[in-house]
Amino acid sequence: MKQIAVILLLAGLAGCGADGAPMRPNANLGLSVGTGGVSTSASVGASNGTVSVGVGI
């Protein structure tokens, strides 16, 4: 339970900018149709201008 509280606290601090510039979330969804069929892509991440983190699928 304490671990969840710490994670929520850190997420709240990062979201409000109390520990520096706020992190801006971003998301991208893609759909392409070609000779090989239909393919999809997705990515989510966050950036504060200096640092970017993300995950693509």
PDB file of N, CA and C in Angstrom:
ATOM      1  N   MET A   1       0.818  -1.189   0.000  1.00  0.00           N
ATOM      2  CA  MET A   1       0.000   0.000   0.000  1.00  0.00           C
ATOM      3  C   MET A   1       0.866   1.258   0.000  1.00  0.00           C
ATOM      4  N   LYS A   2       1.986   1.217   0.749  1.00  0.00           N
ATOM      5  CA  LYS A   2       2.878   2.372   0.796  1.00  0.00           C
ATOM      6  C   LYS A   2       3.511   2.644  -0.567  1.00  0.00           C
ATOM      7  N   GLN A   3       3.817   1.579  -1.310  1.00  0.00           N
ATOM      8  CA  GLN A   3       4.419   1.751  -2.630  1.00  0.00           C
ATOM      9  C   GLN A   3       3.451   2.473  -3.574  1.00  0.00           C
ATOM     10  N   ILE A   4       2.190   2.133  -3.511  1.00  0.00           N
ATOM     11  CA  ILE A   4       1.183   2.781  -4.355  1.00  0.00           C
ATOM     12  C   ILE A   4       1.065   4.253  -3.987  1.00  0.00           C
ATOM     13  N   ALA A   5       1.093   4.569  -2.700  1.00  0.00           N
ATOM     14  CA  ALA A   5       1.000   5.954  -2.257  1.00  0.00           C
ATOM     15  C   ALA A   5       2.204   6.766  -2.734  1.00  0.00           C
ATOM     16  N   VAL A   6       3.395   6.182  -2.690  1.00  0.00           N
ATOM     17  CA  VAL A   6       4.595   6.876  -3.141  1.00  0.00           C
ATOM     18  C   VAL A   6       4.526   7.122  -4.648  1.00  0.00           C
ATOM     19  N   ILE A   7       4.083   6.138  -5.399  1.00  0.00           N
ATOM     20  CA  ILE A   7       3.961   6.292  -6.856  1.00  0.00           C
ATOM     21  C   ILE A   7       2.949   7.383  -7.191  1.00  0.00           C
ATOM     22  N   LEU A   8       1.824   7.400  -6.519  1.00  0.00           N
ATOM     23  CA  LEU A   8       0.815   8.437  -6.762  1.00  0.00           C
ATOM     24  C   LEU A   8       1.333   9.815  -6.374  1.00  0.00           C
ATOM     25  N   LEU A   9       2.079   9.900  -5.298  1.00  0.00           N
ATOM     26  CA  LEU A   9       2.655  11.174  -4.877  1.00  0.00           C
ATOM     27  C   LEU A   9       3.646  11.693  -5.918  1.00  0.00           C
ATOM     28  N   LEU A  10       4.529  10.833  -6.404  1.00  0.00           N
ATOM     29  CA  LEU A  10       5.495  11.236  -7.417  1.00  0.00           C
ATOM     30  C   LEU A  10       4.812  11.622  -8.724  1.00  0.00           C
ATOM     31  N   ALA A  11       3.777  10.894  -9.113  1.00  0.00           N
ATOM     32  CA  ALA A  11       3.033  11.237 -10.328  1.00  0.00           C
ATOM     33  C   ALA A  11       2.343  12.590 -10.172  1.00  0.00           C
ATOM     34  N   GLY A  12       1.815  12.859  -9.001  1.00  0.00           N
ATOM     35  CA  GLY A  12       1.176  14.146  -8.748  1.00  0.00           C
ATOM     36  C   GLY A  12       2.173  15.291  -8.791  1.00  0.00           C
ATOM     37  N   LEU A  13       3.352  15.087  -8.213  1.00  0.00           N
ATOM     38  CA  LEU A  13       4.387  16.120  -8.253  1.00  0.00           C
ATOM     39  C   LEU A  13       4.859  16.382  -9.676  1.00  0.00           C
ATOM     40  N   ALA A  14       5.038  15.335 -10.449  1.00  0.00           N
ATOM     41  CA  ALA A  14       5.477  15.507 -11.833  1.00  0.00           C
ATOM     42  C   ALA A  14       4.395  16.190 -12.662  1.00  0.00           C
ATOM     43  N   GLY A  15       3.143  15.907 -12.367  1.00  0.00           N
ATOM     44  CA  GLY A  15       2.035  16.487 -13.124  1.00  0.00           C
ATOM     45  C   GLY A  15       1.821  17.958 -12.839  1.00  0.00           C
ATOM     46  N   CYS A  16       2.088  18.414 -11.625  1.00  0.00           N
ATOM     47  CA  CYS A  16       1.825  19.816 -11.289  1.00  0.00           C
ATOM     48  C   CYS A  16       3.050  20.683 -11.463  1.00  0.00           C
ATOM     49  N   GLY A  17       4.204  20.099 -11.682  1.00  0.00           N
ATOM     50  CA  GLY A  17       5.407  20.878 -11.909  1.00  0.00           C
ATOM     51  C   GLY A  17       6.099  21.321 -10.637  1.00  0.00           C
ATOM     52  N   ALA A  18       5.745  20.776  -9.483  1.00  0.00           N
ATOM     53  CA  ALA A  18       6.354  21.182  -8.220  1.00  0.00           C
ATOM     54  C   ALA A  18       7.835  20.819  -8.155  1.00  0.00           C
ATOM     55  N   ASP A  19       8.262  19.807  -8.878  1.00  0.00           N
ATOM     56  CA  ASP A  19       9.664  19.391  -8.855  1.00  0.00           C
ATOM     57  C   ASP A  19      10.406  19.828 -10.115  1.00  0.00           C
ATOM     58  N   GLY A  20       9.857  20.730 -10.887  1.00  0.00           N
ATOM     59  CA  GLY A  20      10.462  21.195 -12.144  1.00  0.00           C
ATOM     60  C   GLY A  20       9.366  21.428 -13.170  1.00  0.00           C
ATOM     61  N   ALA A  21       9.737  21.447 -14.407  1.00  0.00           N
ATOM     62  CA  ALA A  21       8.748  21.645 -15.475  1.00  0.00           C
ATOM     63  C   ALA A  21       7.791  20.461 -15.526  1.00  0.00           C
ATOM     64  N   PRO A  22       6.497  20.706 -15.760  1.00  0.00           N
ATOM     65  CA  PRO A  22       5.543  19.598 -15.800  1.00  0.00           C
ATOM     66  C   PRO A  22       5.753  18.712 -17.025  1.00  0.00           C
ATOM     67  N   MET A  23       5.477  17.447 -16.858  1.00  0.00           N
ATOM     68  CA  MET A  23       5.570  16.502 -17.962  1.00  0.00           C
ATOM     69  C   MET A  23       4.286  16.582 -18.780  1.00  0.00           C
ATOM     70  N   ARG A  24       4.427  16.727 -20.082  1.00  0.00           N
ATOM     71  CA  ARG A  24       3.269  16.767 -20.979  1.00  0.00           C
ATOM     72  C   ARG A  24       3.098  15.403 -21.624  1.00  0.00           C
ATOM     73  N   PRO A  25       1.941  14.791 -21.425  1.00  0.00           N
ATOM     74  CA  PRO A  25       1.712  13.479 -22.040  1.00  0.00           C
ATOM     75  C   PRO A  25       1.468  13.628 -23.537  1.00  0.00           C
ATOM     76  N   ASN A  26       1.815  12.584 -24.283  1.00  0.00           N
ATOM     77  CA  ASN A  26       1.503  12.555 -25.703  1.00  0.00           C
ATOM     78  C   ASN A  26       1.177  11.131 -26.117  1.00  0.00           C
ATOM     79  N   ALA A  27       0.391  11.013 -27.172  1.00  0.00           N
ATOM     80  CA  ALA A  27      -0.011   9.702 -27.675  1.00  0.00           C
ATOM     81  C   ALA A  27      -0.109   9.781 -29.188  1.00  0.00           C
ATOM     82  N   ASN A  28       0.104   8.651 -29.837  1.00  0.00           N
ATOM     83  CA  ASN A  28       0.028   8.584 -31.283  1.00  0.00           C
ATOM     84  C   ASN A  28      -0.529   7.225 -31.684  1.00  0.00           C
ATOM     85  N   LEU A  29      -1.525   7.243 -32.563  1.00  0.00           N
ATOM     86  CA  LEU A  29      -2.089   6.014 -33.111  1.00  0.00           C
ATOM     87  C   LEU A  29      -1.941   6.071 -34.622  1.00  0.00           C
ATOM     88  N   GLY A  30      -1.577   4.959 -35.227  1.00  0.00           N
ATOM     89  CA  GLY A  30      -1.398   4.937 -36.677  1.00  0.00           C
ATOM     90  C   GLY A  30      -2.055   3.731 -37.306  1.00  0.00           C
ATOM     91  N   LEU A  31      -2.506   3.916 -38.528  1.00  0.00           N
ATOM     92  CA  LEU A  31      -3.118   2.839 -39.306  1.00  0.00           C
ATOM     93  C   LEU A  31      -2.639   3.014 -40.735  1.00  0.00           C
ATOM     94  N   SER A  32      -2.063   1.970 -41.305  1.00  0.00           N
ATOM     95  CA  SER A  32      -1.624   2.054 -42.693  1.00  0.00           C
ATOM     96  C   SER A  32      -2.099   0.827 -43.458  1.00  0.00           C
ATOM     97  N   VAL A  33      -2.441   1.071 -44.718  1.00  0.00           N
ATOM     98  CA  VAL A  33      -2.914   0.010 -45.598  1.00  0.00           C
ATOM     99  C   VAL A  33      -1.954  -0.064 -46.775  1.00  0.00           C
ATOM    100  N   GLY A  34      -1.470  -1.244 -47.033  1.00  0.00           N
ATOM    101  CA  GLY A  34      -0.540  -1.433 -48.140  1.00  0.00           C
ATOM    102  C   GLY A  34      -0.758  -2.778 -48.802  1.00  0.00           C
ATOM    103  N   THR A  35       0.166  -3.148 -49.664  1.00  0.00           N
ATOM    104  CA  THR A  35       0.048  -4.421 -50.373  1.00  0.00           C
ATOM    105  C   THR A  35       0.161  -5.608 -49.427  1.00  0.00           C
ATOM    106  N   GLY A  36       0.813  -5.413 -48.296  1.00  0.00           N
ATOM    107  CA  GLY A  36       0.956  -6.477 -47.312  1.00  0.00           C
ATOM    108  C   GLY A  36      -0.224  -6.586 -46.360  1.00  0.00           C
ATOM    109  N   GLY A  37      -1.205  -5.706 -46.493  1.00  0.00           N
ATOM    110  CA  GLY A  37      -2.375  -5.718 -45.610  1.00  0.00           C
ATOM    111  C   GLY A  37      -2.441  -4.457 -44.767  1.00  0.00           C
ATOM    112  N   VAL A  38      -3.141  -4.577 -43.671  1.00  0.00           N
ATOM    113  CA  VAL A  38      -3.342  -3.445 -42.771  1.00  0.00           C
ATOM    114  C   VAL A  38      -2.402  -3.595 -41.578  1.00  0.00           C
ATOM    115  N   SER A  39      -1.738  -2.506 -41.200  1.00  0.00           N
ATOM    116  CA  SER A  39      -0.887  -2.544 -40.013  1.00  0.00           C
ATOM    117  C   SER A  39      -1.219  -1.354 -39.123  1.00  0.00           C
ATOM    118  N   THR A  40      -1.054  -1.554 -37.827  1.00  0.00           N
ATOM    119  CA  THR A  40      -1.349  -0.512 -36.851  1.00  0.00           C
ATOM    120  C   THR A  40      -0.107  -0.232 -36.014  1.00  0.00           C
ATOM    121  N   SER A  41      -0.078   0.946 -35.432  1.00  0.00           N
ATOM    122  CA  SER A  41       1.004   1.298 -34.516  1.00  0.00           C
ATOM    123  C   SER A  41       0.441   2.217 -33.446  1.00  0.00           C
ATOM    124  N   ALA A  42       1.086   2.229 -32.306  1.00  0.00           N
ATOM    125  CA  ALA A  42       0.661   3.088 -31.204  1.00  0.00           C
ATOM    126  C   ALA A  42       1.870   3.436 -30.354  1.00  0.00           C
ATOM    127  N   SER A  43       1.850   4.637 -29.784  1.00  0.00           N
ATOM    128  CA  SER A  43       2.904   5.032 -28.864  1.00  0.00           C
ATOM    129  C   SER A  43       2.334   5.993 -27.830  1.00  0.00           C
ATOM    130  N   VAL A  44       2.886   5.933 -26.637  1.00  0.00           N
ATOM    131  CA  VAL A  44       2.526   6.853 -25.565  1.00  0.00           C
ATOM    132  C   VAL A  44       3.815   7.304 -24.897  1.00  0.00           C
ATOM    133  N   GLY A  45       3.785   8.502 -24.352  1.00  0.00           N
ATOM    134  CA  GLY A  45       4.969   9.003 -23.694  1.00  0.00           C
ATOM    135  C   GLY A  45       4.707  10.312 -22.999  1.00  0.00           C
ATOM    136  N   ALA A  46       5.781  10.950 -22.557  1.00  0.00           N
ATOM    137  CA  ALA A  46       5.693  12.237 -21.886  1.00  0.00           C
ATOM    138  C   ALA A  46       6.982  12.998 -22.138  1.00  0.00           C
ATOM    139  N   SER A  47       6.871  14.337 -22.114  1.00  0.00           N
ATOM    140  CA  SER A  47       8.028  15.181 -22.357  1.00  0.00           C
ATOM    141  C   SER A  47       7.912  16.461 -21.547  1.00  0.00           C
ATOM    142  N   ASN A  48       9.044  16.977 -21.074  1.00  0.00           N
ATOM    143  CA  ASN A  48       9.034  18.271 -20.400  1.00  0.00           C
ATOM    144  C   ASN A  48       9.889  19.277 -21.159  1.00  0.00           C
ATOM    145  N   GLY A  49      10.226  18.992 -22.405  1.00  0.00           N
ATOM    146  CA  GLY A  49      11.042  19.867 -23.212  1.00  0.00           C
ATOM    147  C   GLY A  49      12.490  19.433 -23.229  1.00  0.00           C
ATOM    148  N   THR A  50      13.009  19.008 -22.107  1.00  0.00           N
ATOM    149  CA  THR A  50      14.398  18.551 -22.021  1.00  0.00           C
ATOM    150  C   THR A  50      14.486  17.047 -22.094  1.00  0.00           C
ATOM    151  N   VAL A  51      13.591  16.364 -21.421  1.00  0.00           N
ATOM    152  CA  VAL A  51      13.601  14.906 -21.324  1.00  0.00           C
ATOM    153  C   VAL A  51      12.313  14.353 -21.908  1.00  0.00           C
ATOM    154  N   SER A  52      12.444  13.318 -22.723  1.00  0.00           N
ATOM    155  CA  SER A  52      11.288  12.628 -23.284  1.00  0.00           C
ATOM    156  C   SER A  52      11.378  11.152 -22.954  1.00  0.00           C
ATOM    157  N   VAL A  53      10.266  10.554 -22.581  1.00  0.00           N
ATOM    158  CA  VAL A  53      10.187   9.106 -22.382  1.00  0.00           C
ATOM    159  C   VAL A  53       8.980   8.608 -23.139  1.00  0.00           C
ATOM    160  N   GLY A  54       9.069   7.396 -23.664  1.00  0.00           N
ATOM    161  CA  GLY A  54       7.940   6.874 -24.419  1.00  0.00           C
ATOM    162  C   GLY A  54       8.060   5.385 -24.651  1.00  0.00           C
ATOM    163  N   VAL A  55       6.925   4.815 -25.059  1.00  0.00           N
ATOM    164  CA  VAL A  55       6.838   3.397 -25.371  1.00  0.00           C
ATOM    165  C   VAL A  55       6.047   3.273 -26.658  1.00  0.00           C
ATOM    166  N   GLY A  56       6.567   2.519 -27.618  1.00  0.00           N
ATOM    167  CA  GLY A  56       5.872   2.287 -28.877  1.00  0.00           C
ATOM    168  C   GLY A  56       5.515   0.822 -29.026  1.00  0.00           C
ATOM    169  N   ILE A  57       4.370   0.593 -29.635  1.00  0.00           N
ATOM    170  CA  ILE A  57       3.906  -0.795 -29.850  1.00  0.00           C
ATOM    171  C   ILE A  57       3.686  -0.999 -31.327  1.00  0.00           C
TER     172      ILE A  57
END
